[in-house]
Amino acid sequence: MFEYINIMVRISNLELVRLLKKNSRTSFVDLARHLKVSETAVRKRIRNMEKGGVIRKYTVDVDPRKIGFEIDALIGVDARPEKYVQVMEKIRPMKEVMTFCSSSGDHMMMMECWLENSASLASFVKTLGKIDGVTKVCPAIISDKMKC
């Protein structure tokens, strides 16, 4: 018995994912040209990554300021452990929340929120703080995104 090792991996999944993250609308032809492989190879690799759950969806990168939101904030929230699920269920559907993550580290939950101005940020932080079980709310305004 021997283990087959594919030494000639012509397409790096990571490199392909990085190209798609820069612009998920890049054509298969352009991806193939950049990776120096055939369009068919790129199509097959992407299809396999989609089927395998590596690529879960395609999305857009939006500048919230261009559509009327002055504040793009990262907000960390902590909750009492016994109230964690209830707090999460109240926060996730809020219209201000664009991305919601359960996390470890400094905060139990992290979210990116778009708000019209600093007054709406202050009001939203107060609203979060009043949710039963919330112990801490820590907002940070994003000044610029360097990499997506």
N, C-alpha and C. Protein backbone atom coordinates (compact mmCIF):
# COMPACT_ATOMS: atom_id res chain seq x y z
N MET A 1 0.83 -1.18 0.00
CA MET A 1 0.00 0.00 0.00
C MET A 1 0.88 1.25 0.00
N PHE A 2 0.45 2.24 -0.72
CA PHE A 2 1.15 3.51 -0.72
C PHE A 2 0.14 4.64 -0.78
N GLU A 3 0.58 5.77 -0.33
CA GLU A 3 -0.27 6.96 -0.33
C GLU A 3 0.08 7.80 -1.54
N TYR A 4 -0.94 8.15 -2.33
CA TYR A 4 -0.75 8.98 -3.50
C TYR A 4 -0.62 10.43 -3.07
N ILE A 5 0.43 11.06 -3.46
CA ILE A 5 0.65 12.47 -3.15
C ILE A 5 0.70 13.23 -4.47
N ASN A 6 -0.19 14.20 -4.60
CA ASN A 6 -0.21 15.02 -5.81
C ASN A 6 0.78 16.17 -5.65
N ILE A 7 1.93 16.01 -6.22
CA ILE A 7 2.98 17.03 -6.10
C ILE A 7 2.69 18.22 -7.02
N MET A 8 2.03 17.99 -8.13
CA MET A 8 1.78 19.04 -9.10
C MET A 8 0.38 19.63 -8.92
N VAL A 9 0.13 20.31 -7.84
CA VAL A 9 -1.13 21.02 -7.67
C VAL A 9 -0.99 22.31 -8.47
N ARG A 10 -1.77 22.41 -9.55
CA ARG A 10 -1.60 23.55 -10.45
C ARG A 10 -2.37 24.77 -10.00
N ILE A 11 -3.45 24.55 -9.26
CA ILE A 11 -4.23 25.69 -8.79
C ILE A 11 -4.25 25.65 -7.28
N SER A 12 -3.84 26.73 -6.68
CA SER A 12 -3.90 26.84 -5.22
C SER A 12 -5.30 27.32 -4.83
N ASN A 13 -5.99 26.53 -3.99
CA ASN A 13 -7.31 26.95 -3.50
C ASN A 13 -7.22 28.32 -2.84
N LEU A 14 -6.19 28.53 -2.05
CA LEU A 14 -6.04 29.79 -1.34
C LEU A 14 -5.86 30.95 -2.32
N GLU A 15 -5.05 30.76 -3.33
CA GLU A 15 -4.85 31.83 -4.31
C GLU A 15 -6.15 32.12 -5.06
N LEU A 16 -6.89 31.08 -5.40
CA LEU A 16 -8.16 31.26 -6.09
C LEU A 16 -9.17 31.98 -5.19
N VAL A 17 -9.23 31.59 -3.94
CA VAL A 17 -10.14 32.26 -2.99
C VAL A 17 -9.75 33.72 -2.83
N ARG A 18 -8.47 34.01 -2.72
CA ARG A 18 -8.03 35.41 -2.60
C ARG A 18 -8.46 36.24 -3.80
N LEU A 19 -8.33 35.68 -4.99
CA LEU A 19 -8.75 36.40 -6.20
C LEU A 19 -10.26 36.64 -6.17
N LEU A 20 -11.04 35.64 -5.76
CA LEU A 20 -12.49 35.79 -5.70
C LEU A 20 -12.90 36.78 -4.62
N LYS A 21 -12.16 36.81 -3.50
CA LYS A 21 -12.49 37.76 -2.44
C LYS A 21 -12.24 39.20 -2.90
N LYS A 22 -11.24 39.40 -3.74
CA LYS A 22 -10.99 40.74 -4.28
C LYS A 22 -12.13 41.17 -5.19
N ASN A 23 -12.61 40.23 -6.01
CA ASN A 23 -13.72 40.53 -6.92
C ASN A 23 -14.39 39.22 -7.30
N SER A 24 -15.52 38.93 -6.67
CA SER A 24 -16.20 37.66 -6.92
C SER A 24 -16.83 37.59 -8.31
N ARG A 25 -16.82 38.70 -9.03
CA ARG A 25 -17.37 38.71 -10.38
C ARG A 25 -16.30 38.51 -11.45
N THR A 26 -15.06 38.24 -11.04
CA THR A 26 -14.00 37.99 -12.00
C THR A 26 -14.38 36.77 -12.84
N SER A 27 -14.22 36.88 -14.14
CA SER A 27 -14.61 35.79 -15.03
C SER A 27 -13.68 34.59 -14.88
N PHE A 28 -14.20 33.43 -15.23
CA PHE A 28 -13.37 32.21 -15.21
C PHE A 28 -12.17 32.37 -16.14
N VAL A 29 -12.38 33.03 -17.26
CA VAL A 29 -11.29 33.25 -18.22
C VAL A 29 -10.18 34.08 -17.58
N ASP A 30 -10.55 35.17 -16.91
CA ASP A 30 -9.54 36.01 -16.27
C ASP A 30 -8.85 35.29 -15.11
N LEU A 31 -9.60 34.52 -14.34
CA LEU A 31 -8.99 33.74 -13.26
C LEU A 31 -8.00 32.74 -13.84
N ALA A 32 -8.40 32.05 -14.90
CA ALA A 32 -7.53 31.05 -15.54
C ALA A 32 -6.26 31.71 -16.07
N ARG A 33 -6.42 32.87 -16.68
CA ARG A 33 -5.26 33.59 -17.23
C ARG A 33 -4.29 33.95 -16.09
N HIS A 34 -4.82 34.46 -14.99
CA HIS A 34 -3.98 34.85 -13.86
C HIS A 34 -3.26 33.63 -13.25
N LEU A 35 -3.97 32.51 -13.16
CA LEU A 35 -3.41 31.30 -12.54
C LEU A 35 -2.62 30.44 -13.51
N LYS A 36 -2.66 30.82 -14.79
CA LYS A 36 -1.95 30.10 -15.85
C LYS A 36 -2.42 28.65 -15.97
N VAL A 37 -3.75 28.48 -15.95
CA VAL A 37 -4.37 27.17 -16.15
C VAL A 37 -5.56 27.35 -17.09
N SER A 38 -6.21 26.25 -17.41
CA SER A 38 -7.36 26.33 -18.31
C SER A 38 -8.59 26.84 -17.58
N GLU A 39 -9.52 27.39 -18.37
CA GLU A 39 -10.79 27.84 -17.81
C GLU A 39 -11.54 26.66 -17.20
N THR A 40 -11.46 25.51 -17.84
CA THR A 40 -12.13 24.30 -17.34
C THR A 40 -11.60 23.92 -15.96
N ALA A 41 -10.29 24.03 -15.77
CA ALA A 41 -9.70 23.71 -14.47
C ALA A 41 -10.23 24.65 -13.38
N VAL A 42 -10.36 25.92 -13.73
CA VAL A 42 -10.88 26.89 -12.77
C VAL A 42 -12.34 26.59 -12.45
N ARG A 43 -13.14 26.33 -13.47
CA ARG A 43 -14.56 26.00 -13.26
C ARG A 43 -14.71 24.79 -12.34
N LYS A 44 -13.96 23.75 -12.61
CA LYS A 44 -14.04 22.52 -11.80
C LYS A 44 -13.63 22.79 -10.36
N ARG A 45 -12.55 23.54 -10.18
CA ARG A 45 -12.07 23.82 -8.83
C ARG A 45 -13.09 24.63 -8.05
N ILE A 46 -13.66 25.65 -8.69
CA ILE A 46 -14.67 26.48 -8.01
C ILE A 46 -15.91 25.64 -7.69
N ARG A 47 -16.36 24.83 -8.64
CA ARG A 47 -17.53 23.97 -8.40
C ARG A 47 -17.26 23.03 -7.22
N ASN A 48 -16.08 22.45 -7.16
CA ASN A 48 -15.73 21.56 -6.05
C ASN A 48 -15.70 22.31 -4.72
N MET A 49 -15.17 23.55 -4.74
CA MET A 49 -15.14 24.33 -3.50
C MET A 49 -16.55 24.74 -3.08
N GLU A 50 -17.43 24.99 -4.04
CA GLU A 50 -18.83 25.30 -3.71
C GLU A 50 -19.51 24.07 -3.10
N LYS A 51 -19.35 22.93 -3.75
CA LYS A 51 -19.96 21.68 -3.26
C LYS A 51 -19.42 21.29 -1.89
N GLY A 52 -18.13 21.54 -1.67
CA GLY A 52 -17.48 21.17 -0.41
C GLY A 52 -17.71 22.17 0.71
N GLY A 53 -18.40 23.27 0.42
CA GLY A 53 -18.69 24.25 1.45
C GLY A 53 -17.58 25.24 1.71
N VAL A 54 -16.51 25.20 0.91
CA VAL A 54 -15.43 26.18 1.06
C VAL A 54 -15.96 27.55 0.66
N ILE A 55 -16.59 27.61 -0.50
CA ILE A 55 -17.24 28.85 -0.95
C ILE A 55 -18.71 28.69 -0.60
N ARG A 56 -19.18 29.54 0.30
CA ARG A 56 -20.56 29.44 0.77
C ARG A 56 -21.51 30.38 0.04
N LYS A 57 -21.00 31.54 -0.38
CA LYS A 57 -21.82 32.48 -1.12
C LYS A 57 -20.93 33.53 -1.75
N TYR A 58 -21.52 34.29 -2.66
CA TYR A 58 -20.84 35.41 -3.29
C TYR A 58 -21.53 36.67 -2.80
N THR A 59 -20.77 37.71 -2.56
CA THR A 59 -21.35 38.90 -1.95
C THR A 59 -20.71 40.16 -2.52
N VAL A 60 -21.11 41.30 -1.99
CA VAL A 60 -20.56 42.58 -2.43
C VAL A 60 -19.90 43.29 -1.25
N ASP A 61 -18.99 44.18 -1.56
CA ASP A 61 -18.35 45.02 -0.56
C ASP A 61 -18.90 46.43 -0.77
N VAL A 62 -19.61 46.94 0.22
CA VAL A 62 -20.31 48.22 0.10
C VAL A 62 -19.63 49.28 0.96
N ASP A 63 -19.55 50.49 0.44
CA ASP A 63 -19.09 51.63 1.25
C ASP A 63 -20.34 52.26 1.84
N PRO A 64 -20.60 52.03 3.15
CA PRO A 64 -21.84 52.53 3.75
C PRO A 64 -21.97 54.05 3.69
N ARG A 65 -20.87 54.76 3.65
CA ARG A 65 -20.93 56.23 3.60
C ARG A 65 -21.56 56.73 2.30
N LYS A 66 -21.40 55.96 1.24
CA LYS A 66 -21.93 56.36 -0.07
C LYS A 66 -23.44 56.16 -0.15
N ILE A 67 -24.02 55.46 0.84
CA ILE A 67 -25.47 55.26 0.82
C ILE A 67 -26.13 55.85 2.07
N GLY A 68 -25.44 56.83 2.69
CA GLY A 68 -26.07 57.61 3.73
C GLY A 68 -25.75 57.26 5.17
N PHE A 69 -24.79 56.38 5.40
CA PHE A 69 -24.41 56.03 6.77
C PHE A 69 -23.06 56.66 7.09
N GLU A 70 -23.05 57.62 8.01
CA GLU A 70 -21.80 58.28 8.40
C GLU A 70 -20.94 57.38 9.28
N ILE A 71 -21.58 56.49 10.02
CA ILE A 71 -20.88 55.66 11.01
C ILE A 71 -20.90 54.19 10.60
N ASP A 72 -19.71 53.62 10.49
CA ASP A 72 -19.51 52.18 10.31
C ASP A 72 -18.76 51.76 11.57
N ALA A 73 -19.40 50.96 12.41
CA ALA A 73 -18.81 50.66 13.72
C ALA A 73 -18.70 49.17 13.96
N LEU A 74 -17.67 48.80 14.67
CA LEU A 74 -17.55 47.45 15.23
C LEU A 74 -17.99 47.57 16.68
N ILE A 75 -18.92 46.72 17.08
CA ILE A 75 -19.42 46.78 18.44
C ILE A 75 -19.28 45.41 19.08
N GLY A 76 -18.58 45.38 20.20
CA GLY A 76 -18.45 44.16 20.99
C GLY A 76 -19.49 44.16 22.09
N VAL A 77 -20.10 43.01 22.32
CA VAL A 77 -21.13 42.88 23.35
C VAL A 77 -20.83 41.64 24.19
N ASP A 78 -20.96 41.80 25.49
CA ASP A 78 -20.86 40.68 26.42
C ASP A 78 -22.20 40.49 27.10
N ALA A 79 -22.47 39.26 27.50
CA ALA A 79 -23.74 38.95 28.15
C ALA A 79 -23.51 37.93 29.25
N ARG A 80 -24.45 37.90 30.19
CA ARG A 80 -24.39 36.86 31.20
C ARG A 80 -24.56 35.51 30.48
N PRO A 81 -23.76 34.52 30.83
CA PRO A 81 -23.80 33.23 30.11
C PRO A 81 -25.20 32.62 29.99
N GLU A 82 -26.00 32.73 31.03
CA GLU A 82 -27.34 32.13 30.99
C GLU A 82 -28.29 32.89 30.07
N LYS A 83 -27.93 34.10 29.67
CA LYS A 83 -28.76 34.93 28.79
C LYS A 83 -28.17 35.06 27.38
N TYR A 84 -27.06 34.42 27.15
CA TYR A 84 -26.33 34.57 25.89
C TYR A 84 -27.22 34.35 24.66
N VAL A 85 -27.91 33.23 24.60
CA VAL A 85 -28.72 32.91 23.43
C VAL A 85 -29.84 33.92 23.25
N GLN A 86 -30.50 34.31 24.33
CA GLN A 86 -31.59 35.28 24.23
C GLN A 86 -31.07 36.64 23.73
N VAL A 87 -29.91 37.05 24.24
CA VAL A 87 -29.32 38.32 23.81
C VAL A 87 -28.98 38.25 22.32
N MET A 88 -28.35 37.17 21.92
CA MET A 88 -27.98 36.99 20.52
C MET A 88 -29.23 37.03 19.62
N GLU A 89 -30.29 36.37 20.03
CA GLU A 89 -31.52 36.35 19.23
C GLU A 89 -32.18 37.72 19.13
N LYS A 90 -31.97 38.58 20.12
CA LYS A 90 -32.53 39.94 20.06
C LYS A 90 -31.70 40.85 19.16
N ILE A 91 -30.38 40.68 19.20
CA ILE A 91 -29.49 41.58 18.46
C ILE A 91 -29.42 41.25 16.97
N ARG A 92 -29.29 39.99 16.63
CA ARG A 92 -29.07 39.60 15.23
C ARG A 92 -30.03 40.22 14.23
N PRO A 93 -31.34 40.27 14.50
CA PRO A 93 -32.25 40.83 13.47
C PRO A 93 -32.32 42.36 13.42
N MET A 94 -31.61 43.06 14.29
CA MET A 94 -31.69 44.52 14.30
C MET A 94 -31.19 45.09 12.98
N LYS A 95 -31.90 46.09 12.46
CA LYS A 95 -31.60 46.64 11.13
C LYS A 95 -30.21 47.26 11.04
N GLU A 96 -29.67 47.73 12.15
CA GLU A 96 -28.35 48.36 12.15
C GLU A 96 -27.21 47.34 12.00
N VAL A 97 -27.49 46.09 12.31
CA VAL A 97 -26.47 45.04 12.32
C VAL A 97 -26.29 44.46 10.92
N MET A 98 -25.12 44.68 10.33
CA MET A 98 -24.81 44.18 9.00
C MET A 98 -24.13 42.82 9.05
N THR A 99 -23.27 42.63 10.03
CA THR A 99 -22.56 41.36 10.23
C THR A 99 -22.60 41.04 11.71
N PHE A 100 -22.89 39.80 12.04
CA PHE A 100 -22.95 39.39 13.45
C PHE A 100 -22.10 38.14 13.62
N CYS A 101 -21.24 38.15 14.63
CA CYS A 101 -20.35 37.02 14.89
C CYS A 101 -20.35 36.66 16.36
N SER A 102 -20.43 35.38 16.63
CA SER A 102 -20.17 34.88 17.97
C SER A 102 -18.66 34.78 18.07
N SER A 103 -18.07 35.19 19.18
CA SER A 103 -16.61 35.24 19.21
C SER A 103 -16.06 34.86 20.58
N SER A 104 -14.76 34.63 20.59
CA SER A 104 -14.03 34.45 21.84
C SER A 104 -13.04 35.61 21.92
N GLY A 105 -12.42 35.79 23.04
CA GLY A 105 -11.49 36.91 23.16
C GLY A 105 -12.09 38.01 23.99
N ASP A 106 -11.97 39.23 23.53
CA ASP A 106 -12.42 40.38 24.31
C ASP A 106 -13.93 40.43 24.51
N HIS A 107 -14.70 39.96 23.52
CA HIS A 107 -16.16 40.04 23.61
C HIS A 107 -16.80 38.74 23.13
N MET A 108 -17.99 38.46 23.66
CA MET A 108 -18.71 37.25 23.31
C MET A 108 -19.35 37.36 21.92
N MET A 109 -19.73 38.57 21.56
CA MET A 109 -20.36 38.84 20.27
C MET A 109 -19.70 40.07 19.66
N MET A 110 -19.51 40.03 18.35
CA MET A 110 -18.97 41.16 17.62
C MET A 110 -19.88 41.42 16.43
N MET A 111 -20.11 42.69 16.14
CA MET A 111 -20.95 43.01 15.01
C MET A 111 -20.45 44.26 14.30
N GLU A 112 -20.70 44.30 13.01
CA GLU A 112 -20.48 45.52 12.26
C GLU A 112 -21.84 46.16 12.09
N CYS A 113 -21.93 47.44 12.43
CA CYS A 113 -23.20 48.16 12.37
C CYS A 113 -23.04 49.42 11.54
N TRP A 114 -24.06 49.72 10.74
CA TRP A 114 -24.10 50.96 9.97
C TRP A 114 -25.13 51.87 10.61
N LEU A 115 -24.71 53.11 10.90
CA LEU A 115 -25.58 54.07 11.56
C LEU A 115 -25.51 55.41 10.85
N GLU A 116 -26.61 56.15 10.92
CA GLU A 116 -26.70 57.41 10.18
C GLU A 116 -25.74 58.47 10.68
N ASN A 117 -25.54 58.55 11.99
CA ASN A 117 -24.67 59.58 12.55
C ASN A 117 -24.27 59.21 13.98
N SER A 118 -23.51 60.07 14.63
CA SER A 118 -23.04 59.74 15.99
C SER A 118 -24.18 59.69 16.99
N ALA A 119 -25.22 60.48 16.78
CA ALA A 119 -26.38 60.42 17.69
C ALA A 119 -27.08 59.06 17.59
N SER A 120 -27.19 58.54 16.37
CA SER A 120 -27.82 57.23 16.21
C SER A 120 -26.94 56.12 16.78
N LEU A 121 -25.61 56.30 16.72
CA LEU A 121 -24.71 55.34 17.36
C LEU A 121 -24.93 55.35 18.87
N ALA A 122 -24.97 56.53 19.46
CA ALA A 122 -25.18 56.63 20.91
C ALA A 122 -26.51 56.01 21.32
N SER A 123 -27.54 56.27 20.56
CA SER A 123 -28.86 55.70 20.84
C SER A 123 -28.84 54.17 20.72
N PHE A 124 -28.17 53.66 19.68
CA PHE A 124 -28.09 52.22 19.46
C PHE A 124 -27.32 51.54 20.59
N VAL A 125 -26.22 52.14 21.02
CA VAL A 125 -25.44 51.59 22.13
C VAL A 125 -26.29 51.52 23.40
N LYS A 126 -27.08 52.57 23.64
CA LYS A 126 -27.99 52.56 24.80
C LYS A 126 -29.02 51.45 24.68
N THR A 127 -29.57 51.27 23.49
CA THR A 127 -30.55 50.21 23.25
C THR A 127 -29.94 48.84 23.53
N LEU A 128 -28.72 48.63 23.05
CA LEU A 128 -28.05 47.35 23.31
C LEU A 128 -27.84 47.15 24.81
N GLY A 129 -27.42 48.20 25.49
CA GLY A 129 -27.16 48.11 26.92
C GLY A 129 -28.38 47.80 27.75
N LYS A 130 -29.56 48.11 27.24
CA LYS A 130 -30.81 47.86 27.97
C LYS A 130 -31.36 46.45 27.77
N ILE A 131 -30.77 45.68 26.87
CA ILE A 131 -31.24 44.31 26.64
C ILE A 131 -30.93 43.47 27.87
N ASP A 132 -31.94 42.76 28.35
CA ASP A 132 -31.78 41.91 29.53
C ASP A 132 -30.66 40.90 29.31
N GLY A 133 -29.66 40.94 30.17
CA GLY A 133 -28.54 40.01 30.08
C GLY A 133 -27.26 40.62 29.56
N VAL A 134 -27.35 41.77 28.89
CA VAL A 134 -26.14 42.43 28.37
C VAL A 134 -25.37 43.03 29.53
N THR A 135 -24.07 42.74 29.57
CA THR A 135 -23.22 43.25 30.65
C THR A 135 -22.25 44.33 30.18
N LYS A 136 -21.97 44.37 28.87
CA LYS A 136 -20.99 45.33 28.37
C LYS A 136 -21.22 45.57 26.88
N VAL A 137 -21.10 46.83 26.47
CA VAL A 137 -21.19 47.22 25.06
C VAL A 137 -19.99 48.10 24.75
N CYS A 138 -19.20 47.71 23.77
CA CYS A 138 -17.97 48.45 23.44
C CYS A 138 -17.93 48.80 21.96
N PRO A 139 -18.31 50.03 21.60
CA PRO A 139 -18.28 50.43 20.18
C PRO A 139 -16.91 50.99 19.78
N ALA A 140 -16.58 50.77 18.52
CA ALA A 140 -15.39 51.36 17.91
C ALA A 140 -15.75 51.76 16.49
N ILE A 141 -15.51 53.01 16.14
CA ILE A 141 -15.84 53.49 14.80
C ILE A 141 -14.73 53.08 13.84
N ILE A 142 -15.13 52.51 12.71
CA ILE A 142 -14.16 52.12 11.67
C ILE A 142 -13.86 53.37 10.86
N SER A 143 -12.59 53.75 10.81
CA SER A 143 -12.24 54.94 10.04
C SER A 143 -11.94 54.58 8.58
N ASP A 144 -11.37 53.40 8.34
CA ASP A 144 -11.07 52.98 6.98
C ASP A 144 -10.82 51.49 6.96
N LYS A 145 -11.34 50.81 5.94
CA LYS A 145 -11.07 49.39 5.76
C LYS A 145 -9.90 49.27 4.80
N MET A 146 -8.88 48.59 5.24
CA MET A 146 -7.67 48.49 4.44
C MET A 146 -7.67 47.29 3.49
N LYS A 147 -8.39 46.22 3.88
CA LYS A 147 -8.37 45.00 3.08
C LYS A 147 -9.69 44.29 3.23
N CYS A 148 -10.21 43.81 2.13
CA CYS A 148 -11.46 43.05 2.17
C CYS A 148 -11.24 41.71 1.54
